[in-house]
Amino acid sequence: MSQDIKRTIFLWAHIILGIPIIGYIYSPFKVLPDCAPVVRYVAVPVIILSGLWMWKGHVLRRLVSKSVARPEAADNRLQNVAVKLK
């Protein structure tokens, strides 16, 4: 899946899950207890995570790719040191 498609999916999830928050804010007080758990435990965490992913996802992907590549790089450095010592 390309980065454009992932970004579009996160963007639309962010926008669509923002709709219950608008309803939560503008609904009458009698309705609030019914929709509060959905907004608190589903909509807000997904909005926060998708927003952070769209904002700083490139940094996380870079950190993950470096941590995966590090063992190979360390092995290469050890081999280079061993060759120099011979």
PDB file of N, CA and C in Angstrom:
ATOM      1  N   MET A   1       0.848  -1.162   0.000  1.00  0.00           N
ATOM      2  CA  MET A   1       0.000   0.000   0.000  1.00  0.00           C
ATOM      3  C   MET A   1       0.904   1.240   0.000  1.00  0.00           C
ATOM      4  N   SER A   2       0.636   2.165  -0.885  1.00  0.00           N
ATOM      5  CA  SER A   2       1.481   3.346  -0.998  1.00  0.00           C
ATOM      6  C   SER A   2       1.214   4.319   0.158  1.00  0.00           C
ATOM      7  N   GLN A   3       2.143   5.238   0.327  1.00  0.00           N
ATOM      8  CA  GLN A   3       2.028   6.221   1.401  1.00  0.00           C
ATOM      9  C   GLN A   3       0.837   7.156   1.185  1.00  0.00           C
ATOM     10  N   ASP A   4       0.521   7.433  -0.078  1.00  0.00           N
ATOM     11  CA  ASP A   4      -0.632   8.303  -0.360  1.00  0.00           C
ATOM     12  C   ASP A   4      -1.939   7.663   0.094  1.00  0.00           C
ATOM     13  N   ILE A   5      -2.074   6.372  -0.140  1.00  0.00           N
ATOM     14  CA  ILE A   5      -3.297   5.671   0.265  1.00  0.00           C
ATOM     15  C   ILE A   5      -3.389   5.610   1.780  1.00  0.00           C
ATOM     16  N   LYS A   6      -2.277   5.339   2.450  1.00  0.00           N
ATOM     17  CA  LYS A   6      -2.279   5.303   3.913  1.00  0.00           C
ATOM     18  C   LYS A   6      -2.646   6.665   4.486  1.00  0.00           C
ATOM     19  N   ARG A   7      -2.066   7.716   3.918  1.00  0.00           N
ATOM     20  CA  ARG A   7      -2.359   9.061   4.400  1.00  0.00           C
ATOM     21  C   ARG A   7      -3.833   9.402   4.200  1.00  0.00           C
ATOM     22  N   THR A   8      -4.399   9.000   3.062  1.00  0.00           N
ATOM     23  CA  THR A   8      -5.814   9.256   2.793  1.00  0.00           C
ATOM     24  C   THR A   8      -6.706   8.506   3.773  1.00  0.00           C
ATOM     25  N   ILE A   9      -6.356   7.268   4.079  1.00  0.00           N
ATOM     26  CA  ILE A   9      -7.141   6.478   5.043  1.00  0.00           C
ATOM     27  C   ILE A   9      -7.104   7.125   6.419  1.00  0.00           C
ATOM     28  N   PHE A  10      -5.925   7.524   6.881  1.00  0.00           N
ATOM     29  CA  PHE A  10      -5.815   8.176   8.182  1.00  0.00           C
ATOM     30  C   PHE A  10      -6.552   9.512   8.196  1.00  0.00           C
ATOM     31  N   LEU A  11      -6.478  10.251   7.099  1.00  0.00           N
ATOM     32  CA  LEU A  11      -7.165  11.534   7.032  1.00  0.00           C
ATOM     33  C   LEU A  11      -8.669  11.363   7.158  1.00  0.00           C
ATOM     34  N   TRP A  12      -9.234  10.402   6.410  1.00  0.00           N
ATOM     35  CA  TRP A  12     -10.683  10.207   6.467  1.00  0.00           C
ATOM     36  C   TRP A  12     -11.132   9.618   7.795  1.00  0.00           C
ATOM     37  N   ALA A  13     -10.328   8.748   8.394  1.00  0.00           N
ATOM     38  CA  ALA A  13     -10.664   8.245   9.733  1.00  0.00           C
ATOM     39  C   ALA A  13     -10.665   9.398  10.725  1.00  0.00           C
ATOM     40  N   HIS A  14      -9.722  10.294  10.586  1.00  0.00           N
ATOM     41  CA  HIS A  14      -9.614  11.458  11.460  1.00  0.00           C
ATOM     42  C   HIS A  14     -10.847  12.354  11.303  1.00  0.00           C
ATOM     43  N   ILE A  15     -11.250  12.595  10.070  1.00  0.00           N
ATOM     44  CA  ILE A  15     -12.405  13.469   9.811  1.00  0.00           C
ATOM     45  C   ILE A  15     -13.709  12.813  10.258  1.00  0.00           C
ATOM     46  N   ILE A  16     -13.913  11.551   9.891  1.00  0.00           N
ATOM     47  CA  ILE A  16     -15.178  10.871  10.206  1.00  0.00           C
ATOM     48  C   ILE A  16     -15.358  10.689  11.708  1.00  0.00           C
ATOM     49  N   LEU A  17     -14.282  10.357  12.418  1.00  0.00           N
ATOM     50  CA  LEU A  17     -14.410  10.186  13.863  1.00  0.00           C
ATOM     51  C   LEU A  17     -14.453  11.512  14.614  1.00  0.00           C
ATOM     52  N   GLY A  18     -14.262  12.613  13.911  1.00  0.00           N
ATOM     53  CA  GLY A  18     -14.465  13.922  14.522  1.00  0.00           C
ATOM     54  C   GLY A  18     -15.935  14.289  14.599  1.00  0.00           C
ATOM     55  N   ILE A  19     -16.772  13.643  13.784  1.00  0.00           N
ATOM     56  CA  ILE A  19     -18.208  13.937  13.772  1.00  0.00           C
ATOM     57  C   ILE A  19     -18.872  13.613  15.115  1.00  0.00           C
ATOM     58  N   PRO A  20     -18.592  12.464  15.760  1.00  0.00           N
ATOM     59  CA  PRO A  20     -19.217  12.218  17.075  1.00  0.00           C
ATOM     60  C   PRO A  20     -18.834  13.250  18.132  1.00  0.00           C
ATOM     61  N   ILE A  21     -17.650  13.820  18.020  1.00  0.00           N
ATOM     62  CA  ILE A  21     -17.252  14.843  18.990  1.00  0.00           C
ATOM     63  C   ILE A  21     -18.107  16.088  18.809  1.00  0.00           C
ATOM     64  N   ILE A  22     -18.406  16.435  17.567  1.00  0.00           N
ATOM     65  CA  ILE A  22     -19.285  17.587  17.312  1.00  0.00           C
ATOM     66  C   ILE A  22     -20.671  17.310  17.907  1.00  0.00           C
ATOM     67  N   GLY A  23     -21.184  16.088  17.694  1.00  0.00           N
ATOM     68  CA  GLY A  23     -22.469  15.721  18.287  1.00  0.00           C
ATOM     69  C   GLY A  23     -22.426  15.727  19.795  1.00  0.00           C
ATOM     70  N   TYR A  24     -21.319  15.300  20.360  1.00  0.00           N
ATOM     71  CA  TYR A  24     -21.147  15.284  21.813  1.00  0.00           C
ATOM     72  C   TYR A  24     -21.182  16.701  22.376  1.00  0.00           C
ATOM     73  N   ILE A  25     -20.550  17.618  21.687  1.00  0.00           N
ATOM     74  CA  ILE A  25     -20.481  18.997  22.169  1.00  0.00           C
ATOM     75  C   ILE A  25     -21.840  19.686  22.064  1.00  0.00           C
ATOM     76  N   TYR A  26     -22.544  19.475  20.949  1.00  0.00           N
ATOM     77  CA  TYR A  26     -23.778  20.218  20.703  1.00  0.00           C
ATOM     78  C   TYR A  26     -25.054  19.466  21.083  1.00  0.00           C
ATOM     79  N   SER A  27     -24.948  18.279  21.659  1.00  0.00           N
ATOM     80  CA  SER A  27     -26.150  17.533  22.021  1.00  0.00           C
ATOM     81  C   SER A  27     -26.707  18.019  23.360  1.00  0.00           C
ATOM     82  N   PRO A  28     -27.972  17.768  23.605  1.00  0.00           N
ATOM     83  CA  PRO A  28     -28.559  18.143  24.899  1.00  0.00           C
ATOM     84  C   PRO A  28     -27.948  17.308  26.033  1.00  0.00           C
ATOM     85  N   PHE A  29     -27.998  17.829  27.235  1.00  0.00           N
ATOM     86  CA  PHE A  29     -27.383  17.155  28.376  1.00  0.00           C
ATOM     87  C   PHE A  29     -28.002  15.793  28.671  1.00  0.00           C
ATOM     88  N   LYS A  30     -29.251  15.588  28.295  1.00  0.00           N
ATOM     89  CA  LYS A  30     -29.898  14.301  28.549  1.00  0.00           C
ATOM     90  C   LYS A  30     -29.299  13.186  27.697  1.00  0.00           C
ATOM     91  N   VAL A  31     -28.751  13.513  26.554  1.00  0.00           N
ATOM     92  CA  VAL A  31     -28.218  12.514  25.624  1.00  0.00           C
ATOM     93  C   VAL A  31     -26.745  12.217  25.905  1.00  0.00           C
ATOM     94  N   LEU A  32     -26.058  13.066  26.617  1.00  0.00           N
ATOM     95  CA  LEU A  32     -24.620  12.905  26.844  1.00  0.00           C
ATOM     96  C   LEU A  32     -24.230  11.564  27.466  1.00  0.00           C
ATOM     97  N   PRO A  33     -24.911  11.064  28.485  1.00  0.00           N
ATOM     98  CA  PRO A  33     -24.493   9.781  29.058  1.00  0.00           C
ATOM     99  C   PRO A  33     -24.561   8.611  28.064  1.00  0.00           C
ATOM    100  N   ASP A  34     -25.420   8.718  27.049  1.00  0.00           N
ATOM    101  CA  ASP A  34     -25.533   7.623  26.086  1.00  0.00           C
ATOM    102  C   ASP A  34     -24.349   7.558  25.132  1.00  0.00           C
ATOM    103  N   CYS A  35     -23.841   8.701  24.717  1.00  0.00           N
ATOM    104  CA  CYS A  35     -22.776   8.689  23.714  1.00  0.00           C
ATOM    105  C   CYS A  35     -21.393   8.963  24.303  1.00  0.00           C
ATOM    106  N   ALA A  36     -21.309   9.252  25.584  1.00  0.00           N
ATOM    107  CA  ALA A  36     -20.026   9.594  26.193  1.00  0.00           C
ATOM    108  C   ALA A  36     -18.984   8.477  26.090  1.00  0.00           C
ATOM    109  N   PRO A  37     -19.326   7.202  26.374  1.00  0.00           N
ATOM    110  CA  PRO A  37     -18.280   6.166  26.279  1.00  0.00           C
ATOM    111  C   PRO A  37     -17.714   5.997  24.870  1.00  0.00           C
ATOM    112  N   VAL A  38     -18.569   6.113  23.872  1.00  0.00           N
ATOM    113  CA  VAL A  38     -18.088   5.975  22.488  1.00  0.00           C
ATOM    114  C   VAL A  38     -17.117   7.096  22.151  1.00  0.00           C
ATOM    115  N   VAL A  39     -17.468   8.300  22.538  1.00  0.00           N
ATOM    116  CA  VAL A  39     -16.605   9.443  22.241  1.00  0.00           C
ATOM    117  C   VAL A  39     -15.309   9.346  23.030  1.00  0.00           C
ATOM    118  N   ARG A  40     -15.401   9.018  24.315  1.00  0.00           N
ATOM    119  CA  ARG A  40     -14.205   8.979  25.167  1.00  0.00           C
ATOM    120  C   ARG A  40     -13.247   7.847  24.821  1.00  0.00           C
ATOM    121  N   TYR A  41     -13.786   6.661  24.585  1.00  0.00           N
ATOM    122  CA  TYR A  41     -12.927   5.482  24.463  1.00  0.00           C
ATOM    123  C   TYR A  41     -12.670   5.025  23.037  1.00  0.00           C
ATOM    124  N   VAL A  42     -13.391   5.573  22.066  1.00  0.00           N
ATOM    125  CA  VAL A  42     -13.174   5.177  20.673  1.00  0.00           C
ATOM    126  C   VAL A  42     -12.757   6.373  19.833  1.00  0.00           C
ATOM    127  N   ALA A  43     -13.611   7.381  19.757  1.00  0.00           N
ATOM    128  CA  ALA A  43     -13.378   8.487  18.827  1.00  0.00           C
ATOM    129  C   ALA A  43     -12.141   9.305  19.196  1.00  0.00           C
ATOM    130  N   VAL A  44     -12.025   9.734  20.430  1.00  0.00           N
ATOM    131  CA  VAL A  44     -10.903  10.598  20.814  1.00  0.00           C
ATOM    132  C   VAL A  44      -9.554   9.877  20.685  1.00  0.00           C
ATOM    133  N   PRO A  45      -9.392   8.639  21.168  1.00  0.00           N
ATOM    134  CA  PRO A  45      -8.093   7.982  20.974  1.00  0.00           C
ATOM    135  C   PRO A  45      -7.736   7.770  19.502  1.00  0.00           C
ATOM    136  N   VAL A  46      -8.706   7.400  18.688  1.00  0.00           N
ATOM    137  CA  VAL A  46      -8.405   7.197  17.261  1.00  0.00           C
ATOM    138  C   VAL A  46      -8.053   8.517  16.600  1.00  0.00           C
ATOM    139  N   ILE A  47      -8.739   9.573  16.953  1.00  0.00           N
ATOM    140  CA  ILE A  47      -8.416  10.892  16.389  1.00  0.00           C
ATOM    141  C   ILE A  47      -7.013  11.324  16.805  1.00  0.00           C
ATOM    142  N   ILE A  48      -6.671  11.116  18.058  1.00  0.00           N
ATOM    143  CA  ILE A  48      -5.340  11.499  18.540  1.00  0.00           C
ATOM    144  C   ILE A  48      -4.265  10.679  17.835  1.00  0.00           C
ATOM    145  N   LEU A  49      -4.443   9.366  17.770  1.00  0.00           N
ATOM    146  CA  LEU A  49      -3.434   8.518  17.135  1.00  0.00           C
ATOM    147  C   LEU A  49      -3.300   8.794  15.643  1.00  0.00           C
ATOM    148  N   SER A  50      -4.415   8.976  14.953  1.00  0.00           N
ATOM    149  CA  SER A  50      -4.322   9.254  13.519  1.00  0.00           C
ATOM    150  C   SER A  50      -3.705  10.629  13.273  1.00  0.00           C
ATOM    151  N   GLY A  51      -4.015  11.596  14.126  1.00  0.00           N
ATOM    152  CA  GLY A  51      -3.398  12.916  13.981  1.00  0.00           C
ATOM    153  C   GLY A  51      -1.899  12.874  14.220  1.00  0.00           C
ATOM    154  N   LEU A  52      -1.480  12.154  15.249  1.00  0.00           N
ATOM    155  CA  LEU A  52      -0.043  12.017  15.500  1.00  0.00           C
ATOM    156  C   LEU A  52       0.650  11.266  14.376  1.00  0.00           C
ATOM    157  N   TRP A  53      -0.012  10.240  13.837  1.00  0.00           N
ATOM    158  CA  TRP A  53       0.578   9.476  12.738  1.00  0.00           C
ATOM    159  C   TRP A  53       0.732  10.353  11.494  1.00  0.00           C
ATOM    160  N   MET A  54      -0.286  11.179  11.207  1.00  0.00           N
ATOM    161  CA  MET A  54      -0.178  12.061  10.040  1.00  0.00           C
ATOM    162  C   MET A  54       0.876  13.145  10.267  1.00  0.00           C
ATOM    163  N   TRP A  55       1.059  13.555  11.519  1.00  0.00           N
ATOM    164  CA  TRP A  55       1.993  14.633  11.820  1.00  0.00           C
ATOM    165  C   TRP A  55       3.429  14.119  11.912  1.00  0.00           C
ATOM    166  N   LYS A  56       3.653  13.057  12.685  1.00  0.00           N
ATOM    167  CA  LYS A  56       5.008  12.574  12.941  1.00  0.00           C
ATOM    168  C   LYS A  56       5.224  11.120  12.546  1.00  0.00           C
ATOM    169  N   GLY A  57       4.406  10.599  11.647  1.00  0.00           N
ATOM    170  CA  GLY A  57       4.563   9.210  11.227  1.00  0.00           C
ATOM    171  C   GLY A  57       5.870   8.949  10.512  1.00  0.00           C
ATOM    172  N   HIS A  58       6.358   9.939   9.781  1.00  0.00           N
ATOM    173  CA  HIS A  58       7.619   9.763   9.065  1.00  0.00           C
ATOM    174  C   HIS A  58       8.782   9.538  10.029  1.00  0.00           C
ATOM    175  N   VAL A  59       8.744  10.181  11.195  1.00  0.00           N
ATOM    176  CA  VAL A  59       9.806   9.999  12.189  1.00  0.00           C
ATOM    177  C   VAL A  59       9.741   8.586  12.762  1.00  0.00           C
ATOM    178  N   LEU A  60       8.546   8.115  13.066  1.00  0.00           N
ATOM    179  CA  LEU A  60       8.383   6.762  13.605  1.00  0.00           C
ATOM    180  C   LEU A  60       8.823   5.719  12.589  1.00  0.00           C
ATOM    181  N   ARG A  61       8.451   5.896  11.333  1.00  0.00           N
ATOM    182  CA  ARG A  61       8.874   4.950  10.300  1.00  0.00           C
ATOM    183  C   ARG A  61      10.392   4.936  10.162  1.00  0.00           C
ATOM    184  N   ARG A  62      11.021   6.103  10.263  1.00  0.00           N
ATOM    185  CA  ARG A  62      12.476   6.176  10.164  1.00  0.00           C
ATOM    186  C   ARG A  62      13.133   5.479  11.346  1.00  0.00           C
ATOM    187  N   LEU A  63      12.597   5.671  12.557  1.00  0.00           N
ATOM    188  CA  LEU A  63      13.158   5.009  13.739  1.00  0.00           C
ATOM    189  C   LEU A  63      13.016   3.498  13.650  1.00  0.00           C
ATOM    190  N   VAL A  64      11.860   3.036  13.176  1.00  0.00           N
ATOM    191  CA  VAL A  64      11.631   1.600  13.059  1.00  0.00           C
ATOM    192  C   VAL A  64      12.549   1.004  12.000  1.00  0.00           C
ATOM    193  N   SER A  65      12.711   1.685  10.887  1.00  0.00           N
ATOM    194  CA  SER A  65      13.558   1.138   9.828  1.00  0.00           C
ATOM    195  C   SER A  65      15.016   1.110  10.252  1.00  0.00           C
ATOM    196  N   LYS A  66      15.466   2.092  11.053  1.00  0.00           N
ATOM    197  CA  LYS A  66      16.844   2.076  11.547  1.00  0.00           C
ATOM    198  C   LYS A  66      17.052   0.970  12.564  1.00  0.00           C
ATOM    199  N   SER A  67      16.065   0.742  13.425  1.00  0.00           N
ATOM    200  CA  SER A  67      16.236  -0.298  14.438  1.00  0.00           C
ATOM    201  C   SER A  67      16.237  -1.680  13.801  1.00  0.00           C
ATOM    202  N   VAL A  68      15.531  -1.843  12.701  1.00  0.00           N
ATOM    203  CA  VAL A  68      15.556  -3.122  11.991  1.00  0.00           C
ATOM    204  C   VAL A  68      16.880  -3.294  11.276  1.00  0.00           C
ATOM    205  N   ALA A  69      17.449  -2.219  10.747  1.00  0.00           N
ATOM    206  CA  ALA A  69      18.684  -2.293   9.982  1.00  0.00           C
ATOM    207  C   ALA A  69      19.919  -2.324  10.875  1.00  0.00           C
ATOM    208  N   ARG A  70      19.823  -1.955  12.109  1.00  0.00           N
ATOM    209  CA  ARG A  70      20.989  -1.865  12.983  1.00  0.00           C
ATOM    210  C   ARG A  70      21.721  -3.176  13.197  1.00  0.00           C
ATOM    211  N   PRO A  71      21.061  -4.302  13.438  1.00  0.00           N
ATOM    212  CA  PRO A  71      21.836  -5.527  13.644  1.00  0.00           C
ATOM    213  C   PRO A  71      22.724  -5.867  12.450  1.00  0.00           C
ATOM    214  N   GLU A  72      22.251  -5.645  11.251  1.00  0.00           N
ATOM    215  CA  GLU A  72      23.063  -5.912  10.071  1.00  0.00           C
ATOM    216  C   GLU A  72      24.236  -4.949   9.996  1.00  0.00           C
ATOM    217  N   ALA A  73      23.995  -3.690  10.312  1.00  0.00           N
ATOM    218  CA  ALA A  73      25.063  -2.700  10.288  1.00  0.00           C
ATOM    219  C   ALA A  73      26.112  -3.024  11.345  1.00  0.00           C
ATOM    220  N   ALA A  74      25.671  -3.474  12.510  1.00  0.00           N
ATOM    221  CA  ALA A  74      26.622  -3.837  13.567  1.00  0.00           C
ATOM    222  C   ALA A  74      27.460  -5.036  13.145  1.00  0.00           C
ATOM    223  N   ASP A  75      26.850  -6.010  12.487  1.00  0.00           N
ATOM    224  CA  ASP A  75      27.604  -7.162  11.999  1.00  0.00           C
ATOM    225  C   ASP A  75      28.637  -6.740  10.971  1.00  0.00           C
ATOM    226  N   ASN A  76      28.268  -5.834  10.089  1.00  0.00           N
ATOM    227  CA  ASN A  76      29.208  -5.348   9.078  1.00  0.00           C
ATOM    228  C   ASN A  76      30.371  -4.615   9.720  1.00  0.00           C
ATOM    229  N   ARG A  77      30.100  -3.807  10.744  1.00  0.00           N
ATOM    230  CA  ARG A  77      31.174  -3.095  11.427  1.00  0.00           C
ATOM    231  C   ARG A  77      32.110  -4.067  12.130  1.00  0.00           C
ATOM    232  N   LEU A  78      31.555  -5.102  12.738  1.00  0.00           N
ATOM    233  CA  LEU A  78      32.400  -6.097  13.405  1.00  0.00           C
ATOM    234  C   LEU A  78      33.266  -6.845  12.397  1.00  0.00           C
ATOM    235  N   GLN A  79      32.723  -7.146  11.263  1.00  0.00           N
ATOM    236  CA  GLN A  79      33.508  -7.814  10.227  1.00  0.00           C
ATOM    237  C   GLN A  79      34.617  -6.903   9.723  1.00  0.00           C
ATOM    238  N   ASN A  80      34.336  -5.618   9.556  1.00  0.00           N
ATOM    239  CA  ASN A  80      35.362  -4.676   9.110  1.00  0.00           C
ATOM    240  C   ASN A  80      36.472  -4.547  10.138  1.00  0.00           C
ATOM    241  N   VAL A  81      36.133  -4.533  11.410  1.00  0.00           N
ATOM    242  CA  VAL A  81      37.146  -4.449  12.460  1.00  0.00           C
ATOM    243  C   VAL A  81      37.976  -5.728  12.475  1.00  0.00           C
ATOM    244  N   ALA A  82      37.340  -6.868  12.318  1.00  0.00           N
ATOM    245  CA  ALA A  82      38.076  -8.137  12.314  1.00  0.00           C
ATOM    246  C   ALA A  82      39.038  -8.197  11.136  1.00  0.00           C
ATOM    247  N   VAL A  83      38.645  -7.675   9.983  1.00  0.00           N
ATOM    248  CA  VAL A  83      39.518  -7.688   8.798  1.00  0.00           C
ATOM    249  C   VAL A  83      40.698  -6.764   9.035  1.00  0.00           C
ATOM    250  N   LYS A  84      40.481  -5.618   9.660  1.00  0.00           N
ATOM    251  CA  LYS A  84      41.554  -4.677   9.921  1.00  0.00           C
ATOM    252  C   LYS A  84      42.556  -5.229  10.937  1.00  0.00           C
ATOM    253  N   LEU A  85      42.075  -6.032  11.881  1.00  0.00           N
ATOM    254  CA  LEU A  85      42.960  -6.584  12.906  1.00  0.00           C
ATOM    255  C   LEU A  85      43.848  -7.702  12.354  1.00  0.00           C
ATOM    256  N   LYS A  86      43.416  -8.336  11.277  1.00  0.00           N
ATOM    257  CA  LYS A  86      44.220  -9.435  10.720  1.00  0.00           C
ATOM    258  C   LYS A  86      45.401  -8.923  10.024  1.00  0.00           C
TER     259      LYS A  86
END
